[in-house]
C-alpha atoms as a PDB file:
ATOM      1  CA  MET A   1      -0.187  -0.217   0.318  1.00  0.00           C
ATOM      2  CA  PRO A   2       1.163   3.611  -0.876  1.00  0.00           C
ATOM      3  CA  ALA A   3       2.179   5.980   1.501  1.00  0.00           C
ATOM      4  CA  TRP A   4       1.374   9.747   0.819  1.00  0.00           C
ATOM      5  CA  LYS A   5       4.031  10.763  -1.571  1.00  0.00           C
ATOM      6  CA  ALA A   6       2.680   8.025  -3.873  1.00  0.00           C
ATOM      7  CA  ILE A   7      -0.756   9.770  -4.355  1.00  0.00           C
ATOM      8  CA  GLU A   8       1.017  13.163  -4.854  1.00  0.00           C
ATOM      9  CA  GLN A   9       3.081  11.780  -7.646  1.00  0.00           C
ATOM     10  CA  ALA A  10       0.094   9.709  -9.309  1.00  0.00           C
ATOM     11  CA  GLU A  11      -2.433  12.748  -9.025  1.00  0.00           C
ATOM     12  CA  PRO A  12      -0.716  15.702  -7.763  1.00  0.00           C
ATOM     13  CA  GLU A  13      -3.843  18.186  -8.215  1.00  0.00           C
ATOM     14  CA  PHE A  14      -5.959  15.608  -6.469  1.00  0.00           C
ATOM     15  CA  ALA A  15      -3.630  15.269  -3.442  1.00  0.00           C
ATOM     16  CA  GLY A  16      -3.202  18.984  -3.379  1.00  0.00           C
ATOM     17  CA  ARG A  17      -7.144  19.600  -2.968  1.00  0.00           C
ATOM     18  CA  VAL A  18      -7.410  16.621  -0.307  1.00  0.00           C
ATOM     19  CA  ARG A  19      -4.476  17.763   1.773  1.00  0.00           C
ATOM     20  CA  ARG A  20      -5.530  21.705   1.834  1.00  0.00           C
ATOM     21  CA  LEU A  21      -8.668  20.508   3.301  1.00  0.00           C
ATOM     22  CA  PHE A  22      -7.148  18.338   5.991  1.00  0.00           C
ATOM     23  CA  ASP A  23      -4.804  21.181   6.404  1.00  0.00           C
ATOM     24  CA  ALA A  24      -7.772  23.602   6.752  1.00  0.00           C
ATOM     25  CA  GLY A  25      -8.592  22.767  10.404  1.00  0.00           C
ATOM     26  CA  ARG A  26      -6.347  21.137  13.406  1.00  0.00           C
ATOM     27  CA  HIS A  27      -8.890  18.434  14.284  1.00  0.00           C
ATOM     28  CA  LYS A  28      -9.718  15.187  12.480  1.00  0.00           C
ATOM     29  CA  THR A  29     -11.772  12.209  13.322  1.00  0.00           C
ATOM     30  CA  ILE A  30     -10.463   8.508  13.021  1.00  0.00           C
ATOM     31  CA  ALA A  31     -12.586   5.331  13.127  1.00  0.00           C
ATOM     32  CA  THR A  32     -10.924   2.411  14.550  1.00  0.00           C
ATOM     33  CA  LEU A  33     -12.078  -1.147  15.091  1.00  0.00           C
ATOM     34  CA  ARG A  34     -12.501  -2.301  18.707  1.00  0.00           C
ATOM     35  CA  ALA A  35     -11.889  -5.675  19.978  1.00  0.00           C
ATOM     36  CA  ASP A  36     -15.359  -6.727  19.079  1.00  0.00           C
ATOM     37  CA  CYS A  37     -15.198  -5.180  16.009  1.00  0.00           C
ATOM     38  CA  SER A  38     -17.543  -2.341  16.584  1.00  0.00           C
ATOM     39  CA  PRO A  39     -16.351   0.837  15.526  1.00  0.00           C
ATOM     40  CA  ARG A  40     -14.745   3.583  17.640  1.00  0.00           C
ATOM     41  CA  ILE A  41     -14.514   7.256  16.773  1.00  0.00           C
ATOM     42  CA  SER A  42     -12.126   9.718  18.231  1.00  0.00           C
ATOM     43  CA  GLY A  43     -10.633  12.909  17.901  1.00  0.00           C
ATOM     44  CA  ILE A  44      -7.122  12.961  16.446  1.00  0.00           C
ATOM     45  CA  GLU A  45      -4.620  15.030  14.760  1.00  0.00           C
ATOM     46  CA  CYS A  46      -2.312  14.140  12.119  1.00  0.00           C
ATOM     47  CA  GLU A  47       0.187  15.790   9.626  1.00  0.00           C
ATOM     48  CA  PHE A  48       1.718  15.115   6.389  1.00  0.00           C
ATOM     49  CA  ALA A  49       5.742  14.717   6.564  1.00  0.00           C
ATOM     50  CA  ASP A  50       8.453  13.663   4.390  1.00  0.00           C
ATOM     51  CA  GLY A  51       6.102  12.114   2.408  1.00  0.00           C
ATOM     52  CA  ASN A  52       4.150  10.156   4.328  1.00  0.00           C
ATOM     53  CA  LEU A  53       0.627  10.764   6.714  1.00  0.00           C
ATOM     54  CA  ARG A  54       1.513  10.500  10.195  1.00  0.00           C
ATOM     55  CA  PHE A  55      -0.644  10.605  13.512  1.00  0.00           C
ATOM     56  CA  GLY A  56      -0.359   9.507  17.137  1.00  0.00           C
ATOM     57  CA  SER A  57      -2.011   7.953  20.038  1.00  0.00           C
ATOM     58  CA  MET A  58      -1.297   8.868  23.526  1.00  0.00           C
ATOM     59  CA  THR A  59      -0.059   6.350  26.210  1.00  0.00           C
ATOM     60  CA  GLY A  60      -2.806   3.874  27.366  1.00  0.00           C
ATOM     61  CA  ALA A  61      -5.491   5.517  24.454  1.00  0.00           C
ATOM     62  CA  ARG A  62      -8.068   3.086  22.989  1.00  0.00           C
ATOM     63  CA  LYS A  63      -7.364   4.306  19.613  1.00  0.00           C
ATOM     64  CA  GLY A  64      -3.768   3.285  19.565  1.00  0.00           C
ATOM     65  CA  ALA A  65      -4.715  -0.541  21.411  1.00  0.00           C
ATOM     66  CA  ASP A  66      -7.230  -0.453  18.539  1.00  0.00           C
ATOM     67  CA  LEU A  67      -4.741  -0.056  16.072  1.00  0.00           C
ATOM     68  CA  ARG A  68      -1.833  -2.548  17.040  1.00  0.00           C
ATOM     69  CA  ARG A  69      -4.987  -5.108  17.305  1.00  0.00           C
ATOM     70  CA  ASP A  70      -6.217  -4.184  13.605  1.00  0.00           C
ATOM     71  CA  PRO A  71      -4.504  -1.356  11.840  1.00  0.00           C
ATOM     72  CA  ARG A  72      -7.345  -0.576   9.884  1.00  0.00           C
ATOM     73  CA  PHE A  73      -8.064   3.038  10.193  1.00  0.00           C
ATOM     74  CA  ALA A  74     -10.599   5.837   8.188  1.00  0.00           C
ATOM     75  CA  LEU A  75      -9.940   9.550   8.658  1.00  0.00           C
ATOM     76  CA  HIS A  76     -12.037  12.516   8.008  1.00  0.00           C
ATOM     77  CA  GLY A  77     -10.658  15.669   8.029  1.00  0.00           C
ATOM     78  CA  PRO A  78     -12.115  18.745   9.475  1.00  0.00           C
ATOM     79  CA  THR A  79     -15.660  19.434   8.503  1.00  0.00           C
ATOM     80  CA  PHE A  80     -17.057  22.656   6.988  1.00  0.00           C
ATOM     81  CA  HIS A  81     -20.830  22.971   6.008  1.00  0.00           C
ATOM     82  CA  PRO A  82     -22.203  24.862   3.053  1.00  0.00           C
ATOM     83  CA  GLU A  83     -23.350  28.203   3.303  1.00  0.00           C
ATOM     84  CA  GLU A  84     -26.981  28.602   2.257  1.00  0.00           C
ATOM     85  CA  GLY A  85     -27.024  30.741  -0.923  1.00  0.00           C
ATOM     86  CA  ARG A  86     -23.100  30.051  -1.270  1.00  0.00           C
ATOM     87  CA  GLU A  87     -22.881  26.233  -1.823  1.00  0.00           C
ATOM     88  CA  GLY A  88     -20.857  26.756  -4.730  1.00  0.00           C
ATOM     89  CA  ASP A  89     -18.099  27.850  -2.355  1.00  0.00           C
ATOM     90  CA  TRP A  90     -18.192  24.625   0.079  1.00  0.00           C
ATOM     91  CA  PRO A  91     -14.952  23.111  -0.432  1.00  0.00           C
ATOM     92  CA  GLY A  92     -15.910  19.797   0.556  1.00  0.00           C
ATOM     93  CA  GLU A  93     -14.818  17.221   2.347  1.00  0.00           C
ATOM     94  CA  ALA A  94     -11.756  14.969   2.839  1.00  0.00           C
ATOM     95  CA  LYS A  95     -11.535  11.262   3.972  1.00  0.00           C
ATOM     96  CA  ILE A  96      -8.433   8.962   3.908  1.00  0.00           C
ATOM     97  CA  ALA A  97      -8.188   4.882   4.663  1.00  0.00           C
ATOM     98  CA  GLY A  98      -5.624   2.383   5.138  1.00  0.00           C
ATOM     99  CA  ARG A  99      -3.781   0.482   7.517  1.00  0.00           C
ATOM    100  CA  ALA A 100      -1.929   2.359  10.560  1.00  0.00           C
ATOM    101  CA  VAL A 101       1.838   1.362  10.633  1.00  0.00           C
ATOM    102  CA  PRO A 102       3.764   1.536  13.921  1.00  0.00           C
ATOM    103  CA  ALA A 103       6.472   3.939  13.381  1.00  0.00           C
ATOM    104  CA  GLY A 104       8.169   4.321  16.993  1.00  0.00           C
ATOM    105  CA  PRO A 105       7.281   6.116  20.491  1.00  0.00           C
ATOM    106  CA  VAL A 106       6.641   9.773  20.312  1.00  0.00           C
ATOM    107  CA  THR A 107       8.724  11.779  23.395  1.00  0.00           C
ATOM    108  CA  THR A 108       7.964  15.514  23.862  1.00  0.00           C
ATOM    109  CA  ALA A 109      10.020  15.541  27.182  1.00  0.00           C
ATOM    110  CA  GLU A 110      13.538  15.039  27.792  1.00  0.00           C
ATOM    111  CA  SER A 111      14.792  11.459  26.667  1.00  0.00           C
ATOM    112  CA  GLY A 112      15.211   9.709  29.800  1.00  0.00           C
ATOM    113  CA  ASP A 113      11.066  10.260  30.131  1.00  0.00           C
ATOM    114  CA  PRO A 114       8.916   7.381  29.233  1.00  0.00           C
ATOM    115  CA  PRO A 115       7.066   7.709  25.813  1.00  0.00           C
ATOM    116  CA  ASP A 116       4.047   9.980  25.619  1.00  0.00           C
ATOM    117  CA  GLY A 117       2.484   7.693  22.901  1.00  0.00           C
ATOM    118  CA  GLU A 118       3.069   5.871  19.483  1.00  0.00           C
ATOM    119  CA  LEU A 119       3.474   6.951  16.215  1.00  0.00           C
ATOM    120  CA  PHE A 120       1.860   5.845  13.138  1.00  0.00           C
ATOM    121  CA  VAL A 121       2.283   5.826   9.514  1.00  0.00           C
ATOM    122  CA  ALA A 122      -0.651   5.522   6.887  1.00  0.00           C
ATOM    123  CA  ASP A 123      -0.216   2.960   4.326  1.00  0.00           C
ATOM    124  CA  ILE A 124      -3.128   4.479   2.493  1.00  0.00           C
ATOM    125  CA  THR A 125      -5.841   2.186   0.587  1.00  0.00           C
ATOM    126  CA  GLU A 126      -8.301   4.798  -0.379  1.00  0.00           C
ATOM    127  CA  VAL A 127      -8.532   8.837  -0.514  1.00  0.00           C
ATOM    128  CA  VAL A 128     -11.973  10.297  -1.167  1.00  0.00           C
ATOM    129  CA  LEU A 129     -12.716  13.879  -2.048  1.00  0.00           C
ATOM    130  CA  THR A 130     -16.569  14.832  -1.688  1.00  0.00           C
ATOM    131  CA  HIS A 131     -17.483  18.175  -3.464  1.00  0.00           C
ATOM    132  CA  LEU A 132     -20.012  19.873  -5.562  1.00  0.00           C
ATOM    133  CA  ASN A 133     -20.051  20.669  -9.242  1.00  0.00           C
ATOM    134  CA  ALA A 134     -19.357  24.207 -10.201  1.00  0.00           C
ATOM    135  CA  GLU A 135     -23.161  25.247 -10.268  1.00  0.00           C
ATOM    136  CA  ALA A 136     -23.766  23.628  -6.935  1.00  0.00           C
ATOM    137  CA  THR A 137     -26.393  21.254  -8.525  1.00  0.00           C
ATOM    138  CA  ARG A 138     -24.571  17.951  -8.220  1.00  0.00           C
ATOM    139  CA  LEU A 139     -22.679  16.159  -5.667  1.00  0.00           C
ATOM    140  CA  VAL A 140     -19.228  15.314  -6.799  1.00  0.00           C
ATOM    141  CA  ILE A 141     -17.149  11.936  -5.500  1.00  0.00           C
ATOM    142  CA  GLU A 142     -13.650  11.776  -6.523  1.00  0.00           C
ATOM    143  CA  SER A 143     -12.066   8.901  -5.085  1.00  0.00           C
ATOM    144  CA  TRP A 144      -7.976   7.448  -5.460  1.00  0.00           C
ATOM    145  CA  THR A 145      -7.494   3.922  -4.915  1.00  0.00           C
ATOM    146  CA  PRO A 146      -3.779   1.960  -5.870  1.00  0.00           C
ATOM    147  CA  ALA A 147      -5.757  -0.127  -7.878  1.00  0.00           C
ATOM    148  CA  GLN A 148      -7.948   1.930  -9.874  1.00  0.00           C
ATOM    149  CA  GLY A 149      -6.403   5.244  -9.626  1.00  0.00           C
ATOM    150  CA  LEU A 150      -8.448   8.129  -9.781  1.00  0.00           C
ATOM    151  CA  ARG A 151     -12.408   8.017 -10.210  1.00  0.00           C
ATOM    152  CA  ARG A 152     -15.181  10.815 -10.387  1.00  0.00           C
ATOM    153  CA  VAL A 153     -18.926  10.183  -9.890  1.00  0.00           C
ATOM    154  CA  GLU A 154     -21.479  12.930 -10.201  1.00  0.00           C
ATOM    155  CA  ARG A 155     -24.778  12.421  -8.130  1.00  0.00           C
ATOM    156  CA  GLU A 156     -28.005  14.514  -8.192  1.00  0.00           C
END
């Protein structure tokens, strides 16, 4: 599965729009799977760095335990609502799904202190951008997967 840089290389314009939506706000939402396979929704922050999408989990957090047990995740960028009468200005929303690969401990204090959490790097299986067409009359869903590349569907 690819790192973020693979999407940037394959579809730079699409990747740029997705990244701008993710970077537009600090807080995102991640879905993980609990031990009983039911979904867990948690708040999270993430960053694009060194060609990767990275995010962490604080020591003892349930989402980290979920990801260590079953690495599948779905990450939803910040949400912005279309303004009535200005729907065409709505930037849309972005989602990324994949598998979280442990990338080591996160420490923010002095090196002798225990880790503050665990860092994960995303192996990406799908990227989705949902927005309106230029006339704001149709919903546009653009999606990228490693197998199918970039696809676009419009719905009324």
